[in-house]
Amino acid sequence: MARRLRGIGPVRSGCVLTLAVLTLAVLALLAAAPAQAQYATACPAPKKLAAGACVTACPAGYEDQGRVCVYRNMSR
């Protein structure tokens, strides 16, 4: 005997809701990602360029050279 589907049931609506929440979470993460910069002048005044991102302080392994943080390989 064939079963007839009537609209969106509780299981399907839960899946749709979960998918909607995951989509919103991914969009929020993409919006929160730091902007990629190619030049130090692309960063606002108090920030510096390090590995393509505008940062307030140079991360570990980078040398501060004013508006740019330069990677220094310490293994040599």
PDB file of N, CA and C in Angstrom:
ATOM      1  N   MET A   1       0.836  -1.173   0.000  1.00  0.00           N
ATOM      2  CA  MET A   1       0.000   0.000   0.000  1.00  0.00           C
ATOM      3  C   MET A   1       0.887   1.245   0.000  1.00  0.00           C
ATOM      4  N   ALA A   2       0.647   2.169  -0.895  1.00  0.00           N
ATOM      5  CA  ALA A   2       1.441   3.389  -1.014  1.00  0.00           C
ATOM      6  C   ALA A   2       1.049   4.380   0.082  1.00  0.00           C
ATOM      7  N   ARG A   3       2.028   5.004   0.642  1.00  0.00           N
ATOM      8  CA  ARG A   3       1.785   5.988   1.699  1.00  0.00           C
ATOM      9  C   ARG A   3       1.855   7.378   1.104  1.00  0.00           C
ATOM     10  N   ARG A   4       0.937   8.209   1.452  1.00  0.00           N
ATOM     11  CA  ARG A   4       0.874   9.558   0.929  1.00  0.00           C
ATOM     12  C   ARG A   4       1.543  10.533   1.884  1.00  0.00           C
ATOM     13  N   LEU A   5       2.357  11.402   1.350  1.00  0.00           N
ATOM     14  CA  LEU A   5       3.008  12.409   2.175  1.00  0.00           C
ATOM     15  C   LEU A   5       2.139  13.655   2.213  1.00  0.00           C
ATOM     16  N   ARG A   6       1.970  14.202   3.388  1.00  0.00           N
ATOM     17  CA  ARG A   6       1.149  15.398   3.539  1.00  0.00           C
ATOM     18  C   ARG A   6       2.012  16.540   4.063  1.00  0.00           C
ATOM     19  N   GLY A   7       2.540  17.331   3.174  1.00  0.00           N
ATOM     20  CA  GLY A   7       3.321  18.498   3.594  1.00  0.00           C
ATOM     21  C   GLY A   7       4.639  18.106   4.249  1.00  0.00           C
ATOM     22  N   ILE A   8       5.146  19.009   5.030  1.00  0.00           N
ATOM     23  CA  ILE A   8       6.418  18.791   5.713  1.00  0.00           C
ATOM     24  C   ILE A   8       6.117  18.267   7.109  1.00  0.00           C
ATOM     25  N   GLY A   9       6.584  17.081   7.382  1.00  0.00           N
ATOM     26  CA  GLY A   9       6.363  16.470   8.688  1.00  0.00           C
ATOM     27  C   GLY A   9       7.377  16.964   9.692  1.00  0.00           C
ATOM     28  N   PRO A  10       7.294  16.507  10.948  1.00  0.00           N
ATOM     29  CA  PRO A  10       8.209  16.977  11.978  1.00  0.00           C
ATOM     30  C   PRO A  10       9.666  16.627  11.705  1.00  0.00           C
ATOM     31  N   VAL A  11       9.912  15.463  11.093  1.00  0.00           N
ATOM     32  CA  VAL A  11      11.296  15.071  10.801  1.00  0.00           C
ATOM     33  C   VAL A  11      11.870  15.963   9.712  1.00  0.00           C
ATOM     34  N   ARG A  12      11.109  16.178   8.653  1.00  0.00           N
ATOM     35  CA  ARG A  12      11.604  17.012   7.558  1.00  0.00           C
ATOM     36  C   ARG A  12      11.763  18.465   7.977  1.00  0.00           C
ATOM     37  N   SER A  13      10.846  18.977   8.768  1.00  0.00           N
ATOM     38  CA  SER A  13      10.979  20.371   9.188  1.00  0.00           C
ATOM     39  C   SER A  13      12.198  20.545  10.094  1.00  0.00           C
ATOM     40  N   GLY A  14      12.536  19.532  10.874  1.00  0.00           N
ATOM     41  CA  GLY A  14      13.750  19.581  11.703  1.00  0.00           C
ATOM     42  C   GLY A  14      14.999  19.637  10.849  1.00  0.00           C
ATOM     43  N   CYS A  15      15.022  18.879   9.767  1.00  0.00           N
ATOM     44  CA  CYS A  15      16.172  18.880   8.851  1.00  0.00           C
ATOM     45  C   CYS A  15      16.305  20.230   8.157  1.00  0.00           C
ATOM     46  N   VAL A  16      15.167  20.790   7.755  1.00  0.00           N
ATOM     47  CA  VAL A  16      15.185  22.093   7.088  1.00  0.00           C
ATOM     48  C   VAL A  16      15.679  23.160   8.058  1.00  0.00           C
ATOM     49  N   LEU A  17      15.227  23.091   9.290  1.00  0.00           N
ATOM     50  CA  LEU A  17      15.655  24.050  10.300  1.00  0.00           C
ATOM     51  C   LEU A  17      17.148  23.912  10.585  1.00  0.00           C
ATOM     52  N   THR A  18      17.634  22.687  10.692  1.00  0.00           N
ATOM     53  CA  THR A  18      19.062  22.451  10.929  1.00  0.00           C
ATOM     54  C   THR A  18      19.893  22.988   9.774  1.00  0.00           C
ATOM     55  N   LEU A  19      19.448  22.754   8.561  1.00  0.00           N
ATOM     56  CA  LEU A  19      20.164  23.249   7.389  1.00  0.00           C
ATOM     57  C   LEU A  19      20.191  24.774   7.369  1.00  0.00           C
ATOM     58  N   ALA A  20      19.080  25.398   7.742  1.00  0.00           N
ATOM     59  CA  ALA A  20      19.017  26.862   7.780  1.00  0.00           C
ATOM     60  C   ALA A  20      19.966  27.420   8.836  1.00  0.00           C
ATOM     61  N   VAL A  21      20.026  26.794   9.999  1.00  0.00           N
ATOM     62  CA  VAL A  21      20.920  27.249  11.068  1.00  0.00           C
ATOM     63  C   VAL A  21      22.374  27.086  10.650  1.00  0.00           C
ATOM     64  N   LEU A  22      22.717  25.968  10.029  1.00  0.00           N
ATOM     65  CA  LEU A  22      24.091  25.756   9.568  1.00  0.00           C
ATOM     66  C   LEU A  22      24.477  26.758   8.487  1.00  0.00           C
ATOM     67  N   THR A  23      23.560  27.061   7.592  1.00  0.00           N
ATOM     68  CA  THR A  23      23.835  28.041   6.546  1.00  0.00           C
ATOM     69  C   THR A  23      24.103  29.415   7.155  1.00  0.00           C
ATOM     70  N   LEU A  24      23.291  29.806   8.128  1.00  0.00           N
ATOM     71  CA  LEU A  24      23.504  31.097   8.788  1.00  0.00           C
ATOM     72  C   LEU A  24      24.829  31.125   9.541  1.00  0.00           C
ATOM     73  N   ALA A  25      25.199  30.001  10.166  1.00  0.00           N
ATOM     74  CA  ALA A  25      26.468  29.939  10.895  1.00  0.00           C
ATOM     75  C   ALA A  25      27.650  30.092   9.943  1.00  0.00           C
ATOM     76  N   VAL A  26      27.585  29.443   8.797  1.00  0.00           N
ATOM     77  CA  VAL A  26      28.672  29.550   7.811  1.00  0.00           C
ATOM     78  C   VAL A  26      28.764  30.980   7.281  1.00  0.00           C
ATOM     79  N   LEU A  27      27.629  31.592   7.001  1.00  0.00           N
ATOM     80  CA  LEU A  27      27.646  32.977   6.519  1.00  0.00           C
ATOM     81  C   LEU A  27      28.206  33.924   7.574  1.00  0.00           C
ATOM     82  N   ALA A  28      27.890  33.693   8.844  1.00  0.00           N
ATOM     83  CA  ALA A  28      28.422  34.535   9.915  1.00  0.00           C
ATOM     84  C   ALA A  28      29.931  34.377  10.025  1.00  0.00           C
ATOM     85  N   LEU A  29      30.434  33.152   9.877  1.00  0.00           N
ATOM     86  CA  LEU A  29      31.883  32.934   9.935  1.00  0.00           C
ATOM     87  C   LEU A  29      32.590  33.600   8.762  1.00  0.00           C
ATOM     88  N   LEU A  30      31.994  33.535   7.602  1.00  0.00           N
ATOM     89  CA  LEU A  30      32.603  34.185   6.440  1.00  0.00           C
ATOM     90  C   LEU A  30      32.628  35.700   6.595  1.00  0.00           C
ATOM     91  N   ALA A  31      31.598  36.250   7.188  1.00  0.00           N
ATOM     92  CA  ALA A  31      31.546  37.697   7.390  1.00  0.00           C
ATOM     93  C   ALA A  31      32.532  38.136   8.457  1.00  0.00           C
ATOM     94  N   ALA A  32      32.824  37.258   9.431  1.00  0.00           N
ATOM     95  CA  ALA A  32      33.717  37.609  10.523  1.00  0.00           C
ATOM     96  C   ALA A  32      35.189  37.402  10.159  1.00  0.00           C
ATOM     97  N   ALA A  33      35.473  36.765   9.054  1.00  0.00           N
ATOM     98  CA  ALA A  33      36.853  36.516   8.649  1.00  0.00           C
ATOM     99  C   ALA A  33      37.556  37.838   8.373  1.00  0.00           C
ATOM    100  N   PRO A  34      38.830  37.932   8.753  1.00  0.00           N
ATOM    101  CA  PRO A  34      39.548  39.178   8.499  1.00  0.00           C
ATOM    102  C   PRO A  34      39.733  39.408   7.006  1.00  0.00           C
ATOM    103  N   ALA A  35      39.696  40.651   6.626  1.00  0.00           N
ATOM    104  CA  ALA A  35      39.859  41.004   5.219  1.00  0.00           C
ATOM    105  C   ALA A  35      41.294  40.751   4.782  1.00  0.00           C
ATOM    106  N   GLN A  36      41.455  40.244   3.577  1.00  0.00           N
ATOM    107  CA  GLN A  36      42.786  40.001   3.033  1.00  0.00           C
ATOM    108  C   GLN A  36      43.308  41.280   2.401  1.00  0.00           C
ATOM    109  N   ALA A  37      44.513  41.639   2.741  1.00  0.00           N
ATOM    110  CA  ALA A  37      45.134  42.845   2.191  1.00  0.00           C
ATOM    111  C   ALA A  37      46.383  42.438   1.416  1.00  0.00           C
ATOM    112  N   GLN A  38      46.669  43.166   0.354  1.00  0.00           N
ATOM    113  CA  GLN A  38      47.862  42.879  -0.427  1.00  0.00           C
ATOM    114  C   GLN A  38      48.960  43.908  -0.183  1.00  0.00           C
ATOM    115  N   TYR A  39      48.580  45.085   0.270  1.00  0.00           N
ATOM    116  CA  TYR A  39      49.541  46.153   0.496  1.00  0.00           C
ATOM    117  C   TYR A  39      49.342  46.729   1.890  1.00  0.00           C
ATOM    118  N   ALA A  40      50.418  47.193   2.495  1.00  0.00           N
ATOM    119  CA  ALA A  40      50.332  47.758   3.837  1.00  0.00           C
ATOM    120  C   ALA A  40      49.426  48.987   3.863  1.00  0.00           C
ATOM    121  N   THR A  41      49.341  49.701   2.755  1.00  0.00           N
ATOM    122  CA  THR A  41      48.487  50.895   2.715  1.00  0.00           C
ATOM    123  C   THR A  41      47.004  50.543   2.717  1.00  0.00           C
ATOM    124  N   ALA A  42      46.665  49.265   2.488  1.00  0.00           N
ATOM    125  CA  ALA A  42      45.267  48.839   2.504  1.00  0.00           C
ATOM    126  C   ALA A  42      44.744  48.691   3.936  1.00  0.00           C
ATOM    127  N   CYS A  43      45.647  48.603   4.910  1.00  0.00           N
ATOM    128  CA  CYS A  43      45.244  48.454   6.313  1.00  0.00           C
ATOM    129  C   CYS A  43      44.966  49.834   6.917  1.00  0.00           C
ATOM    130  N   PRO A  44      43.968  49.942   7.811  1.00  0.00           N
ATOM    131  CA  PRO A  44      43.707  51.205   8.493  1.00  0.00           C
ATOM    132  C   PRO A  44      44.918  51.630   9.331  1.00  0.00           C
ATOM    133  N   ALA A  45      44.966  52.873   9.719  1.00  0.00           N
ATOM    134  CA  ALA A  45      46.140  53.479  10.353  1.00  0.00           C
ATOM    135  C   ALA A  45      46.781  52.685  11.505  1.00  0.00           C
ATOM    136  N   PRO A  46      46.083  52.248  12.541  1.00  0.00           N
ATOM    137  CA  PRO A  46      46.826  51.594  13.625  1.00  0.00           C
ATOM    138  C   PRO A  46      47.217  50.149  13.317  1.00  0.00           C
ATOM    139  N   LYS A  47      46.767  49.595  12.204  1.00  0.00           N
ATOM    140  CA  LYS A  47      47.044  48.187  11.912  1.00  0.00           C
ATOM    141  C   LYS A  47      48.214  48.029  10.957  1.00  0.00           C
ATOM    142  N   LYS A  48      48.783  46.812  10.941  1.00  0.00           N
ATOM    143  CA  LYS A  48      49.916  46.487  10.080  1.00  0.00           C
ATOM    144  C   LYS A  48      49.587  45.256   9.254  1.00  0.00           C
ATOM    145  N   LEU A  49      50.337  45.038   8.196  1.00  0.00           N
ATOM    146  CA  LEU A  49      50.127  43.907   7.307  1.00  0.00           C
ATOM    147  C   LEU A  49      51.011  42.749   7.734  1.00  0.00           C
ATOM    148  N   ALA A  50      50.396  41.573   7.981  1.00  0.00           N
ATOM    149  CA  ALA A  50      51.140  40.360   8.320  1.00  0.00           C
ATOM    150  C   ALA A  50      50.484  39.185   7.617  1.00  0.00           C
ATOM    151  N   ALA A  51      51.196  38.559   6.702  1.00  0.00           N
ATOM    152  CA  ALA A  51      50.712  37.374   5.980  1.00  0.00           C
ATOM    153  C   ALA A  51      49.385  37.643   5.286  1.00  0.00           C
ATOM    154  N   GLY A  52      49.199  38.822   4.729  1.00  0.00           N
ATOM    155  CA  GLY A  52      48.000  39.139   3.981  1.00  0.00           C
ATOM    156  C   GLY A  52      46.820  39.580   4.809  1.00  0.00           C
ATOM    157  N   ALA A  53      47.014  39.755   6.118  1.00  0.00           N
ATOM    158  CA  ALA A  53      45.924  40.186   6.987  1.00  0.00           C
ATOM    159  C   ALA A  53      46.331  41.445   7.738  1.00  0.00           C
ATOM    160  N   CYS A  54      45.356  42.276   8.055  1.00  0.00           N
ATOM    161  CA  CYS A  54      45.604  43.475   8.849  1.00  0.00           C
ATOM    162  C   CYS A  54      45.508  43.091  10.327  1.00  0.00           C
ATOM    163  N   VAL A  55      46.582  43.296  11.067  1.00  0.00           N
ATOM    164  CA  VAL A  55      46.629  42.914  12.479  1.00  0.00           C
ATOM    165  C   VAL A  55      47.086  44.105  13.321  1.00  0.00           C
ATOM    166  N   THR A  56      46.773  44.073  14.620  1.00  0.00           N
ATOM    167  CA  THR A  56      47.192  45.160  15.507  1.00  0.00           C
ATOM    168  C   THR A  56      48.611  44.967  16.007  1.00  0.00           C
ATOM    169  N   ALA A  57      49.050  43.712  16.175  1.00  0.00           N
ATOM    170  CA  ALA A  57      50.421  43.419  16.619  1.00  0.00           C
ATOM    171  C   ALA A  57      50.946  42.255  15.797  1.00  0.00           C
ATOM    172  N   CYS A  58      52.243  42.247  15.572  1.00  0.00           N
ATOM    173  CA  CYS A  58      52.843  41.174  14.790  1.00  0.00           C
ATOM    174  C   CYS A  58      52.751  39.854  15.552  1.00  0.00           C
ATOM    175  N   PRO A  59      52.361  38.773  14.887  1.00  0.00           N
ATOM    176  CA  PRO A  59      52.288  37.472  15.545  1.00  0.00           C
ATOM    177  C   PRO A  59      53.683  36.898  15.786  1.00  0.00           C
ATOM    178  N   ALA A  60      53.742  35.825  16.553  1.00  0.00           N
ATOM    179  CA  ALA A  60      55.021  35.171  16.847  1.00  0.00           C
ATOM    180  C   ALA A  60      55.678  34.717  15.549  1.00  0.00           C
ATOM    181  N   GLY A  61      56.975  34.916  15.445  1.00  0.00           N
ATOM    182  CA  GLY A  61      57.712  34.540  14.252  1.00  0.00           C
ATOM    183  C   GLY A  61      57.810  35.641  13.215  1.00  0.00           C
ATOM    184  N   TYR A  62      57.143  36.774  13.471  1.00  0.00           N
ATOM    185  CA  TYR A  62      57.176  37.907  12.552  1.00  0.00           C
ATOM    186  C   TYR A  62      57.911  39.068  13.198  1.00  0.00           C
ATOM    187  N   GLU A  63      58.702  39.777  12.404  1.00  0.00           N
ATOM    188  CA  GLU A  63      59.449  40.938  12.885  1.00  0.00           C
ATOM    189  C   GLU A  63      58.693  42.211  12.515  1.00  0.00           C
ATOM    190  N   ASP A  64      58.566  43.110  13.471  1.00  0.00           N
ATOM    191  CA  ASP A  64      57.858  44.375  13.249  1.00  0.00           C
ATOM    192  C   ASP A  64      58.765  45.333  12.479  1.00  0.00           C
ATOM    193  N   GLN A  65      58.283  45.773  11.308  1.00  0.00           N
ATOM    194  CA  GLN A  65      59.030  46.745  10.515  1.00  0.00           C
ATOM    195  C   GLN A  65      58.112  47.905  10.141  1.00  0.00           C
ATOM    196  N   GLY A  66      57.472  48.471  11.148  1.00  0.00           N
ATOM    197  CA  GLY A  66      56.585  49.607  10.919  1.00  0.00           C
ATOM    198  C   GLY A  66      55.196  49.161  10.509  1.00  0.00           C
ATOM    199  N   ARG A  67      54.817  49.448   9.261  1.00  0.00           N
ATOM    200  CA  ARG A  67      53.477  49.087   8.780  1.00  0.00           C
ATOM    201  C   ARG A  67      53.391  47.650   8.286  1.00  0.00           C
ATOM    202  N   VAL A  68      54.524  46.923   8.311  1.00  0.00           N
ATOM    203  CA  VAL A  68      54.574  45.559   7.791  1.00  0.00           C
ATOM    204  C   VAL A  68      55.239  44.649   8.813  1.00  0.00           C
ATOM    205  N   CYS A  69      54.711  43.424   8.952  1.00  0.00           N
ATOM    206  CA  CYS A  69      55.340  42.384   9.772  1.00  0.00           C
ATOM    207  C   CYS A  69      55.978  41.391   8.809  1.00  0.00           C
ATOM    208  N   VAL A  70      57.277  41.163   8.955  1.00  0.00           N
ATOM    209  CA  VAL A  70      58.019  40.291   8.037  1.00  0.00           C
ATOM    210  C   VAL A  70      58.327  38.974   8.742  1.00  0.00           C
ATOM    211  N   TYR A  71      58.016  37.839   8.075  1.00  0.00           N
ATOM    212  CA  TYR A  71      58.250  36.519   8.639  1.00  0.00           C
ATOM    213  C   TYR A  71      59.751  36.258   8.724  1.00  0.00           C
ATOM    214  N   ARG A  72      60.167  35.776   9.854  1.00  0.00           N
ATOM    215  CA  ARG A  72      61.569  35.410  10.072  1.00  0.00           C
ATOM    216  C   ARG A  72      61.651  33.933  10.399  1.00  0.00           C
ATOM    217  N   ASN A  73      62.365  33.170   9.557  1.00  0.00           N
ATOM    218  CA  ASN A  73      62.542  31.744   9.783  1.00  0.00           C
ATOM    219  C   ASN A  73      63.629  31.555  10.819  1.00  0.00           C
ATOM    220  N   MET A  74      63.276  31.019  11.966  1.00  0.00           N
ATOM    221  CA  MET A  74      64.225  30.867  13.077  1.00  0.00           C
ATOM    222  C   MET A  74      64.896  29.486  13.071  1.00  0.00           C
ATOM    223  N   SER A  75      64.610  28.637  12.096  1.00  0.00           N
ATOM    224  CA  SER A  75      65.192  27.294  12.095  1.00  0.00           C
ATOM    225  C   SER A  75      66.597  27.241  11.511  1.00  0.00           C
ATOM    226  N   ARG A  76      67.092  28.361  10.974  1.00  0.00           N
ATOM    227  CA  ARG A  76      68.466  28.373  10.430  1.00  0.00           C
ATOM    228  C   ARG A  76      69.429  28.888  11.440  1.00  0.00           C
TER     229      ARG A  76
END
